[in-house]
Amino acid sequence: GAYRRGGGVGMDVEKAKHYYGLAAMGGDVHARHNIGSMEAMAGNINLAIKHYVIAARAGYKGSLDDLKEYYLDGDLPKEEYGKILRAYQKSKDEMKSEKRDEAVRARNQIRAMGFNGYL
């Protein structure tokens, strides 16, 4: 994010895209989403959609939300959006576990007590 926002380094969109690409190839869905966002801002809607689809199918809600907007705007066919929704839900279902739910409850309890650190 530093090169994309210019945080502590000079802003360099191409360098940001390069590092997001490396992270995305390593499976980082947030990086994949960021590439999609950069492509959308550059007007490359079809390429943005491709990146968002990959991230949404891996369970990234931000990409699913952006794809919904493309669907509502008519840039994504209904049947494709339906497939993406099913893949997103399948990914979320595969990630479910009692231990994960327990950890989320514990994190939420800590946040409710006023701790807003990295939990």
C-alpha atoms as a PDB file:
ATOM      1  CA  GLY A   1       0.000   0.000   0.000  1.00  0.00           C
ATOM      2  CA  ALA A   2       2.878   2.426   0.567  1.00  0.00           C
ATOM      3  CA  TYR A   3       3.656   2.923  -3.139  1.00  0.00           C
ATOM      4  CA  ARG A   4      -0.040   3.221  -3.969  1.00  0.00           C
ATOM      5  CA  ARG A   5      -0.663   5.930  -1.359  1.00  0.00           C
ATOM      6  CA  GLY A   6       2.830   7.409  -1.184  1.00  0.00           C
ATOM      7  CA  GLY A   7       3.165   6.518   2.505  1.00  0.00           C
ATOM      8  CA  GLY A   8       6.831   6.969   3.456  1.00  0.00           C
ATOM      9  CA  VAL A   9       7.945   6.501  -0.150  1.00  0.00           C
ATOM     10  CA  GLY A  10       7.260   8.314  -3.376  1.00  0.00           C
ATOM     11  CA  MET A  11       3.949   7.366  -4.962  1.00  0.00           C
ATOM     12  CA  ASP A  12       4.590   4.898  -7.773  1.00  0.00           C
ATOM     13  CA  VAL A  13       1.500   3.234  -9.197  1.00  0.00           C
ATOM     14  CA  GLU A  14       3.449   0.833 -11.407  1.00  0.00           C
ATOM     15  CA  LYS A  15       5.616  -0.315  -8.509  1.00  0.00           C
ATOM     16  CA  ALA A  16       2.500  -0.713  -6.339  1.00  0.00           C
ATOM     17  CA  LYS A  17       0.877  -2.807  -9.063  1.00  0.00           C
ATOM     18  CA  HIS A  18       4.021  -4.930  -9.320  1.00  0.00           C
ATOM     19  CA  TYR A  19       4.118  -5.700  -5.603  1.00  0.00           C
ATOM     20  CA  TYR A  20       0.374  -6.293  -5.425  1.00  0.00           C
ATOM     21  CA  GLY A  21       0.817  -8.681  -8.356  1.00  0.00           C
ATOM     22  CA  LEU A  22       3.487 -10.636  -6.500  1.00  0.00           C
ATOM     23  CA  ALA A  23       1.292 -10.832  -3.418  1.00  0.00           C
ATOM     24  CA  ALA A  24      -1.738 -11.841  -5.503  1.00  0.00           C
ATOM     25  CA  MET A  25       0.228 -14.640  -7.180  1.00  0.00           C
ATOM     26  CA  GLY A  26       1.077 -15.805  -3.673  1.00  0.00           C
ATOM     27  CA  GLY A  27      -2.610 -16.050  -2.854  1.00  0.00           C
ATOM     28  CA  ASP A  28      -3.259 -12.704  -1.144  1.00  0.00           C
ATOM     29  CA  VAL A  29      -6.883 -11.927  -2.042  1.00  0.00           C
ATOM     30  CA  HIS A  30      -6.694  -8.398  -0.634  1.00  0.00           C
ATOM     31  CA  ALA A  31      -3.814  -7.651  -3.022  1.00  0.00           C
ATOM     32  CA  ARG A  32      -5.850  -9.194  -5.867  1.00  0.00           C
ATOM     33  CA  HIS A  33      -8.737  -6.893  -4.957  1.00  0.00           C
ATOM     34  CA  ASN A  34      -6.398  -3.882  -4.903  1.00  0.00           C
ATOM     35  CA  ILE A  35      -5.186  -4.698  -8.410  1.00  0.00           C
ATOM     36  CA  GLY A  36      -8.820  -4.829  -9.497  1.00  0.00           C
ATOM     37  CA  SER A  37      -9.422  -1.429  -7.906  1.00  0.00           C
ATOM     38  CA  MET A  38      -6.403   0.052  -9.659  1.00  0.00           C
ATOM     39  CA  GLU A  39      -7.593  -1.343 -12.990  1.00  0.00           C
ATOM     40  CA  ALA A  40     -11.092   0.059 -12.373  1.00  0.00           C
ATOM     41  CA  MET A  41      -9.667   3.500 -11.613  1.00  0.00           C
ATOM     42  CA  ALA A  42      -7.670   3.296 -14.842  1.00  0.00           C
ATOM     43  CA  GLY A  43     -10.871   2.514 -16.765  1.00  0.00           C
ATOM     44  CA  ASN A  44      -9.974  -1.120 -17.474  1.00  0.00           C
ATOM     45  CA  ILE A  45     -13.350  -2.483 -16.346  1.00  0.00           C
ATOM     46  CA  ASN A  46     -13.035  -5.962 -17.865  1.00  0.00           C
ATOM     47  CA  LEU A  47      -9.630  -6.477 -16.272  1.00  0.00           C
ATOM     48  CA  ALA A  48     -10.906  -5.114 -12.947  1.00  0.00           C
ATOM     49  CA  ILE A  49     -13.798  -7.585 -13.056  1.00  0.00           C
ATOM     50  CA  LYS A  50     -11.401 -10.484 -13.699  1.00  0.00           C
ATOM     51  CA  HIS A  51      -9.361  -9.599 -10.598  1.00  0.00           C
ATOM     52  CA  TYR A  52     -12.472  -9.066  -8.485  1.00  0.00           C
ATOM     53  CA  VAL A  53     -13.850 -12.451  -9.594  1.00  0.00           C
ATOM     54  CA  ILE A  54     -10.697 -14.252  -8.463  1.00  0.00           C
ATOM     55  CA  ALA A  55     -10.789 -12.537  -5.063  1.00  0.00           C
ATOM     56  CA  ALA A  56     -14.540 -13.032  -4.599  1.00  0.00           C
ATOM     57  CA  ARG A  57     -14.322 -16.734  -5.438  1.00  0.00           C
ATOM     58  CA  ALA A  58     -11.661 -16.973  -2.731  1.00  0.00           C
ATOM     59  CA  GLY A  59     -14.064 -15.416  -0.220  1.00  0.00           C
ATOM     60  CA  TYR A  60     -13.142 -11.714  -0.294  1.00  0.00           C
ATOM     61  CA  LYS A  61     -16.329  -9.733   0.389  1.00  0.00           C
ATOM     62  CA  GLY A  62     -15.005  -6.382  -0.842  1.00  0.00           C
ATOM     63  CA  SER A  63     -14.620  -7.831  -4.320  1.00  0.00           C
ATOM     64  CA  LEU A  64     -18.054  -9.433  -4.163  1.00  0.00           C
ATOM     65  CA  ASP A  65     -19.529  -6.037  -3.252  1.00  0.00           C
ATOM     66  CA  ASP A  66     -17.781  -4.371  -6.202  1.00  0.00           C
ATOM     67  CA  LEU A  67     -18.975  -7.125  -8.549  1.00  0.00           C
ATOM     68  CA  LYS A  68     -22.531  -6.565  -7.342  1.00  0.00           C
ATOM     69  CA  GLU A  69     -22.227  -2.953  -8.478  1.00  0.00           C
ATOM     70  CA  TYR A  70     -20.982  -4.083 -11.902  1.00  0.00           C
ATOM     71  CA  TYR A  71     -23.912  -6.505 -12.095  1.00  0.00           C
ATOM     72  CA  LEU A  72     -26.409  -3.779 -11.143  1.00  0.00           C
ATOM     73  CA  ASP A  73     -24.832  -1.448 -13.732  1.00  0.00           C
ATOM     74  CA  GLY A  74     -25.200  -4.132 -16.420  1.00  0.00           C
ATOM     75  CA  ASP A  75     -21.463  -4.791 -16.820  1.00  0.00           C
ATOM     76  CA  LEU A  76     -21.664  -8.339 -15.427  1.00  0.00           C
ATOM     77  CA  PRO A  77     -24.224 -10.858 -16.714  1.00  0.00           C
ATOM     78  CA  LYS A  78     -26.729 -12.264 -14.206  1.00  0.00           C
ATOM     79  CA  GLU A  79     -25.635 -15.872 -14.732  1.00  0.00           C
ATOM     80  CA  GLU A  80     -21.972 -14.981 -14.161  1.00  0.00           C
ATOM     81  CA  TYR A  81     -22.829 -13.024 -11.023  1.00  0.00           C
ATOM     82  CA  GLY A  82     -24.838 -16.017  -9.788  1.00  0.00           C
ATOM     83  CA  LYS A  83     -21.856 -18.331 -10.308  1.00  0.00           C
ATOM     84  CA  ILE A  84     -19.611 -15.927  -8.428  1.00  0.00           C
ATOM     85  CA  LEU A  85     -22.084 -15.702  -5.533  1.00  0.00           C
ATOM     86  CA  ARG A  86     -22.209 -19.507  -5.259  1.00  0.00           C
ATOM     87  CA  ALA A  87     -18.398 -19.781  -5.375  1.00  0.00           C
ATOM     88  CA  TYR A  88     -18.083 -17.049  -2.731  1.00  0.00           C
ATOM     89  CA  GLN A  89     -20.547 -18.836  -0.444  1.00  0.00           C
ATOM     90  CA  LYS A  90     -18.797 -22.172  -0.971  1.00  0.00           C
ATOM     91  CA  SER A  91     -15.484 -20.563  -0.034  1.00  0.00           C
ATOM     92  CA  LYS A  92     -17.009 -19.052   3.110  1.00  0.00           C
ATOM     93  CA  ASP A  93     -18.620 -22.379   4.034  1.00  0.00           C
ATOM     94  CA  GLU A  94     -15.294 -24.191   3.638  1.00  0.00           C
ATOM     95  CA  MET A  95     -13.670 -21.716   6.028  1.00  0.00           C
ATOM     96  CA  LYS A  96     -16.253 -22.237   8.756  1.00  0.00           C
ATOM     97  CA  SER A  97     -15.206 -24.052  11.894  1.00  0.00           C
ATOM     98  CA  GLU A  98     -16.136 -23.968  15.557  1.00  0.00           C
ATOM     99  CA  LYS A  99     -12.596 -22.829  16.472  1.00  0.00           C
ATOM    100  CA  ARG A 100     -12.772 -19.929  14.021  1.00  0.00           C
ATOM    101  CA  ASP A 101     -16.204 -18.895  15.337  1.00  0.00           C
ATOM    102  CA  GLU A 102     -14.867 -19.100  18.892  1.00  0.00           C
ATOM    103  CA  ALA A 103     -11.914 -16.875  17.979  1.00  0.00           C
ATOM    104  CA  VAL A 104     -14.203 -14.286  16.375  1.00  0.00           C
ATOM    105  CA  ARG A 105     -16.411 -14.224  19.480  1.00  0.00           C
ATOM    106  CA  ALA A 106     -13.341 -13.738  21.692  1.00  0.00           C
ATOM    107  CA  ARG A 107     -12.036 -10.937  19.458  1.00  0.00           C
ATOM    108  CA  ASN A 108     -15.414  -9.207  19.531  1.00  0.00           C
ATOM    109  CA  GLN A 109     -15.576  -9.445  23.324  1.00  0.00           C
ATOM    110  CA  ILE A 110     -12.117  -7.864  23.598  1.00  0.00           C
ATOM    111  CA  ARG A 111     -13.134  -5.081  21.203  1.00  0.00           C
ATOM    112  CA  ALA A 112     -16.315  -4.498  23.232  1.00  0.00           C
ATOM    113  CA  MET A 113     -14.102  -3.842  26.253  1.00  0.00           C
ATOM    114  CA  GLY A 114     -12.487  -0.990  24.373  1.00  0.00           C
ATOM    115  CA  PHE A 115      -9.337  -2.592  22.927  1.00  0.00           C
ATOM    116  CA  ASN A 116      -9.017  -1.647  19.264  1.00  0.00           C
ATOM    117  CA  GLY A 117      -5.502  -2.924  18.515  1.00  0.00           C
ATOM    118  CA  TYR A 118      -4.678  -5.557  15.941  1.00  0.00           C
ATOM    119  CA  LEU A 119      -7.398  -8.036  16.904  1.00  0.00           C
END
